[in-house]
Amino acid sequence: MLVLVAPGQGAQTPGFLTDWLALPGAADRVAAWSDAIGLDLAHYGTKADADEIRDTAVAQPLLVAAGLLSAAALGDIADIAPGAVAGHSVGEITAAAFAGVLDDTAALTLVRRRGLAMAEAAAVTETGMSALLGGDPEVSVAHLEKLGLTPANVNGAGQIVAAGTMEQLAALNEDKPEGVRKVVPLKVAGAFHTRHMAPAVDKLAEAASALTPADPAVTYVSNKDGQAVATGTEVLDRLVGQVANPVRWDLCMETFGKLGVTAIVEVCPGGTLTGLAKRALPGVKTLALKTPADLDAARELVAVHAQQA
């Protein structure tokens, strides 16, 4: 069974959309999306530097656009025929579009409002996120709570992401949990999926109220708890609440295993989630769509594993 996944914030790098925009029809599609949300996605995906695309209000729409564009280059979702879809953090909006819960324009409109609301919330207090590599999850979580930090992403494969104020993160860097090899600051501009994002929830709820979601056409796995969600209304509700609550990607991967996953394709800018899957789901084939050069290999993987659903 094939699972199609979409990465979250921090996966973006300068110029990562350049090759994708050279594909037939891609530039026109991105131009239409840019007009719809009032953000020049082509500029930010090709010419902007790392600091510019670190801006939450820019990074989030850019990531969703990249995911949609790369998936479209792979083929129609009906032809890809994933057994399930899921996304990490903002990637859940990309996954909602894959599942048919939202159309592309609605997904980008929602993520634009999400990015702006979360950027505004992040501006209240200087906050950030850091990944903990290695260590025992229970020991790490207890240590983070002692420092006043939140385990905002529990990613599985020995990785937890801590979030909080810059002072708290500095203390973590000096006082790592037992067994943690390294603390790596992430390319994000706030303590996402924590109480610091609570002001964004109401604004996102208001934006979501204007949308009419459809029920998922394929299994949609929520990173709130790793459960499959059956209705579009619940998907949208979870997308709203998600911004101030932890991401449980470890539970998503557990669900993939229970569903019988045999292959995972991660849309652009892929790499993070397939890396986690290699460690947590041994034996499962993985492929990250980094550039259009990866499309042929991805199509071969889809042709084999979509038939095993």
Protein backbone atom coordinates (compact mmCIF):
# COMPACT_ATOMS: atom_id res chain seq x y z
CA MET A 1 0.00 0.00 0.00
CA LEU A 2 1.22 3.46 -0.94
CA VAL A 3 1.08 6.42 1.45
CA LEU A 4 1.50 9.98 0.12
CA VAL A 5 2.89 12.43 2.69
CA ALA A 6 3.62 16.17 2.81
CA PRO A 7 6.37 17.82 4.89
CA GLY A 8 6.04 20.70 7.32
CA GLN A 9 7.74 24.02 7.91
CA GLY A 10 11.51 23.97 7.97
CA ALA A 11 11.78 21.74 4.88
CA GLN A 12 12.05 24.74 2.54
CA THR A 13 15.38 25.86 1.04
CA PRO A 14 16.22 28.84 -1.22
CA GLY A 15 15.37 28.21 -4.88
CA PHE A 16 13.69 24.85 -4.31
CA LEU A 17 10.82 25.61 -6.71
CA THR A 18 13.03 26.64 -9.64
CA ASP A 19 13.14 23.31 -11.48
CA TRP A 20 9.50 22.55 -10.78
CA LEU A 21 8.39 25.82 -12.39
CA ALA A 22 10.09 24.78 -15.62
CA LEU A 23 7.60 21.92 -16.07
CA PRO A 24 4.80 22.46 -18.63
CA GLY A 25 1.93 24.48 -17.15
CA ALA A 26 3.57 24.82 -13.73
CA ALA A 27 4.35 28.53 -13.94
CA ASP A 28 0.78 29.35 -14.98
CA ARG A 29 -0.65 27.26 -12.15
CA VAL A 30 1.58 28.93 -9.55
CA ALA A 31 0.77 32.38 -10.98
CA ALA A 32 -2.95 31.69 -10.56
CA TRP A 33 -2.42 30.54 -6.97
CA SER A 34 -0.31 33.64 -6.29
CA ASP A 35 -3.07 35.90 -7.55
CA ALA A 36 -5.65 34.06 -5.45
CA ILE A 37 -3.76 34.55 -2.16
CA GLY A 38 -1.89 37.80 -2.82
CA LEU A 39 1.61 36.31 -2.49
CA ASP A 40 4.22 35.92 -5.24
CA LEU A 41 4.96 32.23 -4.78
CA ALA A 42 7.25 32.03 -7.81
CA HIS A 43 9.47 34.80 -6.46
CA TYR A 44 9.75 33.27 -3.01
CA GLY A 45 10.32 29.79 -4.42
CA THR A 46 13.10 30.83 -6.79
CA LYS A 47 14.76 34.12 -5.78
CA ALA A 48 14.18 34.68 -2.06
CA ASP A 49 16.92 33.97 0.45
CA ALA A 50 16.74 31.70 3.51
CA ASP A 51 15.62 34.49 5.86
CA GLU A 52 12.78 35.56 3.56
CA ILE A 53 11.35 32.06 3.27
CA ARG A 54 11.78 31.45 6.98
CA ASP A 55 8.97 33.97 7.52
CA THR A 56 5.98 31.92 8.63
CA ALA A 57 3.54 33.90 6.48
CA VAL A 58 5.63 33.03 3.41
CA ALA A 59 6.93 29.56 4.24
CA GLN A 60 3.56 27.94 4.86
CA PRO A 61 1.83 28.83 1.56
CA LEU A 62 5.07 28.09 -0.28
CA LEU A 63 5.26 24.59 1.17
CA VAL A 64 1.64 23.77 0.35
CA ALA A 65 2.07 25.11 -3.20
CA ALA A 66 5.22 23.01 -3.66
CA GLY A 67 3.45 19.89 -2.43
CA LEU A 68 0.48 20.41 -4.73
CA LEU A 69 2.68 21.22 -7.71
CA SER A 70 4.95 18.19 -7.30
CA ALA A 71 2.02 15.83 -6.73
CA ALA A 72 0.32 17.14 -9.87
CA ALA A 73 3.53 16.50 -11.81
CA LEU A 74 3.48 12.91 -10.52
CA GLY A 75 -0.07 12.39 -11.82
CA ASP A 76 -3.75 12.73 -10.98
CA ILE A 77 -4.48 11.64 -7.43
CA ALA A 78 -6.85 8.98 -8.79
CA ASP A 79 -3.99 7.54 -10.85
CA ILE A 80 -1.50 7.74 -7.97
CA ALA A 81 -4.14 5.90 -5.90
CA PRO A 82 -2.61 6.21 -2.44
CA GLY A 83 -4.05 4.00 0.25
CA ALA A 84 -3.66 6.89 2.69
CA VAL A 85 -2.44 10.49 2.88
CA ALA A 86 -1.00 12.50 5.75
CA GLY A 87 0.97 15.66 6.41
CA HIS A 88 3.30 16.96 9.08
CA SER A 89 2.10 20.23 10.63
CA VAL A 90 1.22 22.59 7.75
CA GLY A 91 1.58 19.58 5.45
CA GLU A 92 -1.81 18.45 6.75
CA ILE A 93 -3.39 21.13 4.59
CA THR A 94 -1.58 19.72 1.56
CA ALA A 95 -2.81 16.27 2.52
CA ALA A 96 -6.37 17.60 2.85
CA ALA A 97 -6.16 18.70 -0.78
CA PHE A 98 -4.81 15.28 -1.80
CA ALA A 99 -7.78 13.67 -0.07
CA GLY A 100 -10.25 15.96 -1.85
CA VAL A 101 -11.36 17.65 1.38
CA LEU A 102 -10.32 21.04 -0.05
CA ASP A 103 -9.58 22.09 -3.60
CA ASP A 104 -6.18 23.62 -4.33
CA THR A 105 -7.32 27.23 -4.11
CA ALA A 106 -9.20 26.65 -0.84
CA ALA A 107 -6.16 24.90 0.64
CA LEU A 108 -3.88 27.80 -0.31
CA THR A 109 -6.36 30.38 0.94
CA LEU A 110 -6.57 28.59 4.29
CA VAL A 111 -2.80 28.20 4.62
CA ARG A 112 -2.26 31.85 3.78
CA ARG A 113 -4.53 32.84 6.68
CA ARG A 114 -2.82 30.22 8.87
CA GLY A 115 0.63 31.59 8.13
CA LEU A 116 -0.36 35.18 8.79
CA ALA A 117 -2.15 34.30 12.03
CA MET A 118 0.74 32.19 13.32
CA ALA A 119 3.29 34.86 12.36
CA GLU A 120 1.29 37.41 14.32
CA ALA A 121 1.11 35.09 17.33
CA ALA A 122 4.84 34.39 17.08
CA ALA A 123 5.62 38.12 17.15
CA VAL A 124 4.24 38.46 20.70
CA THR A 125 7.16 36.61 22.29
CA GLU A 126 10.48 35.54 20.75
CA THR A 127 10.13 31.79 20.46
CA GLY A 128 11.46 28.92 18.40
CA MET A 129 11.89 25.16 18.03
CA SER A 130 14.80 22.72 18.25
CA ALA A 131 15.05 19.05 17.34
CA LEU A 132 16.44 16.56 19.86
CA LEU A 133 18.36 13.76 18.20
CA GLY A 134 18.57 10.50 20.11
CA GLY A 135 17.60 9.74 23.68
CA ASP A 136 14.64 8.04 25.30
CA PRO A 137 11.35 9.85 24.51
CA GLU A 138 9.97 9.53 28.05
CA VAL A 139 13.18 10.87 29.58
CA SER A 140 13.32 13.72 27.05
CA VAL A 141 9.70 14.77 27.54
CA ALA A 142 10.12 14.92 31.33
CA HIS A 143 13.30 16.98 30.90
CA LEU A 144 11.60 19.41 28.51
CA GLU A 145 8.72 19.94 30.91
CA LYS A 146 11.22 20.68 33.69
CA LEU A 147 12.68 23.44 31.50
CA GLY A 148 9.22 24.81 30.67
CA LEU A 149 9.41 23.60 27.07
CA THR A 150 6.73 21.76 25.09
CA PRO A 151 7.36 18.52 23.11
CA ALA A 152 5.64 20.12 20.11
CA ASN A 153 6.51 17.38 17.60
CA VAL A 154 6.88 13.75 18.63
CA ASN A 155 8.24 12.44 15.35
CA GLY A 156 9.22 8.89 16.17
CA ALA A 157 12.52 7.27 15.21
CA GLY A 158 14.09 8.87 18.28
CA GLN A 159 13.26 12.47 17.36
CA ILE A 160 11.37 15.00 19.45
CA VAL A 161 11.07 18.71 18.69
CA ALA A 162 11.02 21.09 21.64
CA ALA A 163 9.33 24.49 21.45
CA GLY A 164 9.31 27.52 23.71
CA THR A 165 11.02 30.82 24.35
CA MET A 166 14.53 31.46 23.11
CA GLU A 167 15.73 31.55 26.71
CA GLN A 168 14.24 28.13 27.37
CA LEU A 169 15.80 26.74 24.19
CA ALA A 170 19.17 28.19 25.17
CA ALA A 171 18.86 26.41 28.52
CA LEU A 172 18.09 23.17 26.67
CA ASN A 173 21.21 23.55 24.57
CA GLU A 174 23.27 23.78 27.76
CA ASP A 175 21.36 21.06 29.59
CA LYS A 176 20.39 18.29 27.16
CA PRO A 177 18.30 15.31 28.31
CA GLU A 178 20.26 12.18 29.09
CA GLY A 179 21.05 10.25 25.92
CA VAL A 180 20.35 13.11 23.50
CA ARG A 181 23.25 13.42 21.06
CA LYS A 182 22.49 16.84 19.64
CA VAL A 183 20.03 19.74 19.80
CA VAL A 184 19.41 21.28 16.37
CA PRO A 185 17.63 24.67 15.97
CA LEU A 186 14.95 24.55 13.26
CA LYS A 187 14.32 27.03 10.45
CA VAL A 188 11.02 28.24 11.89
CA ALA A 189 9.98 31.56 13.36
CA GLY A 190 7.97 30.54 16.40
CA ALA A 191 6.98 27.92 18.96
CA PHE A 192 4.41 26.19 16.78
CA HIS A 193 1.97 23.65 18.20
CA THR A 194 2.18 25.16 21.69
CA ARG A 195 0.20 27.57 23.86
CA HIS A 196 2.13 30.41 22.19
CA MET A 197 -0.01 29.82 19.08
CA ALA A 198 -3.37 30.01 20.88
CA PRO A 199 -4.17 33.49 19.45
CA ALA A 200 -4.02 32.03 15.93
CA VAL A 201 -6.72 29.42 16.57
CA ASP A 202 -9.69 31.82 16.52
CA LYS A 203 -8.46 33.52 13.36
CA LEU A 204 -8.00 30.22 11.60
CA ALA A 205 -11.43 29.05 12.76
CA GLU A 206 -12.93 32.16 11.18
CA ALA A 207 -11.16 31.43 7.89
CA ALA A 208 -12.22 27.78 8.00
CA SER A 209 -15.86 28.72 8.56
CA ALA A 210 -16.00 30.15 5.04
CA LEU A 211 -15.00 26.81 3.48
CA THR A 212 -17.18 23.85 2.52
CA PRO A 213 -15.11 20.70 3.00
CA ALA A 214 -15.83 17.39 1.30
CA ASP A 215 -15.37 14.05 3.01
CA PRO A 216 -11.96 12.45 2.33
CA ALA A 217 -11.88 10.35 -0.83
CA VAL A 218 -8.91 8.39 0.55
CA THR A 219 -7.87 7.54 4.10
CA TYR A 220 -6.75 10.75 5.80
CA VAL A 221 -4.47 10.16 8.79
CA SER A 222 -4.46 13.02 11.30
CA ASN A 223 -1.29 13.98 13.11
CA LYS A 224 -3.26 14.93 16.20
CA ASP A 225 -3.43 11.28 17.24
CA GLY A 226 -2.60 9.15 14.21
CA GLN A 227 -6.26 8.31 13.63
CA ALA A 228 -8.04 8.14 10.29
CA VAL A 229 -10.63 10.91 9.96
CA ALA A 230 -13.83 10.11 8.07
CA THR A 231 -15.49 13.50 7.53
CA GLY A 232 -14.37 16.75 5.95
CA THR A 233 -15.83 18.73 8.82
CA GLU A 234 -13.65 16.91 11.34
CA VAL A 235 -10.58 17.30 9.13
CA LEU A 236 -11.15 21.05 9.06
CA ASP A 237 -11.75 21.20 12.82
CA ARG A 238 -8.49 19.36 13.42
CA LEU A 239 -6.60 21.66 11.05
CA VAL A 240 -7.76 24.61 13.15
CA GLY A 241 -6.91 23.13 16.55
CA GLN A 242 -3.62 21.67 15.32
CA VAL A 243 -1.74 24.98 15.35
CA ALA A 244 -1.73 25.07 19.18
CA ASN A 245 -1.41 21.33 19.85
CA PRO A 246 1.49 18.87 19.46
CA VAL A 247 2.11 16.92 16.25
CA ARG A 248 2.19 13.15 16.81
CA TRP A 249 3.92 11.94 13.67
CA ASP A 250 5.04 8.85 15.58
CA LEU A 251 1.40 7.79 15.85
CA CYS A 252 0.84 8.48 12.14
CA MET A 253 3.65 6.09 11.27
CA GLU A 254 2.20 3.50 13.64
CA THR A 255 -1.08 3.78 11.73
CA PHE A 256 0.70 3.45 8.37
CA GLY A 257 2.17 0.20 9.66
CA LYS A 258 -1.22 -1.09 10.78
CA LEU A 259 -2.72 -0.20 7.40
CA GLY A 260 -0.06 -2.29 5.68
CA VAL A 261 2.10 0.40 4.11
CA THR A 262 4.69 -0.89 1.62
CA ALA A 263 5.87 2.45 0.15
CA ILE A 264 5.88 6.13 1.07
CA VAL A 265 6.28 9.02 -1.37
CA GLU A 266 6.99 12.43 0.15
CA VAL A 267 6.10 15.43 -2.00
CA CYS A 268 8.38 18.44 -2.52
CA PRO A 269 10.40 19.54 -0.60
CA GLY A 270 10.75 15.94 0.47
CA GLY A 271 13.33 14.28 2.66
CA THR A 272 12.38 14.82 6.30
CA LEU A 273 9.48 12.38 6.53
CA THR A 274 11.07 9.70 4.40
CA GLY A 275 14.12 9.94 6.66
CA LEU A 276 11.95 9.25 9.69
CA ALA A 277 10.18 6.40 7.92
CA LYS A 278 13.45 4.67 7.03
CA ARG A 279 14.20 4.36 10.73
CA ALA A 280 10.70 3.73 12.09
CA LEU A 281 9.30 1.55 9.28
CA PRO A 282 12.13 -0.73 8.14
CA GLY A 283 11.42 -2.56 4.91
CA VAL A 284 9.06 0.13 3.60
CA LYS A 285 10.20 1.67 0.31
CA THR A 286 10.58 5.45 0.48
CA LEU A 287 11.08 8.18 -2.10
CA ALA A 288 11.32 11.95 -1.63
CA LEU A 289 10.36 14.27 -4.48
CA LYS A 290 13.17 16.81 -4.26
CA THR A 291 13.36 17.80 -7.96
CA PRO A 292 11.57 16.74 -11.16
CA ALA A 293 14.46 14.33 -11.73
CA ASP A 294 12.83 12.15 -9.05
CA LEU A 295 9.52 11.83 -10.90
CA ASP A 296 10.33 8.76 -13.01
CA ALA A 297 11.49 6.76 -9.99
CA ALA A 298 8.41 7.89 -8.08
CA ARG A 299 6.12 6.79 -10.91
CA GLU A 300 7.76 3.37 -10.90
CA LEU A 301 7.20 3.09 -7.15
CA VAL A 302 3.57 4.19 -7.51
CA ALA A 303 2.95 1.68 -10.29
CA VAL A 304 4.06 -1.20 -8.08
CA HIS A 305 2.77 -0.22 -4.66
CA ALA A 306 -0.56 1.43 -5.49
CA GLN A 307 -1.62 -1.97 -6.82
CA GLN A 308 -1.02 -3.49 -3.39
CA ALA A 309 -3.70 -1.39 -1.70
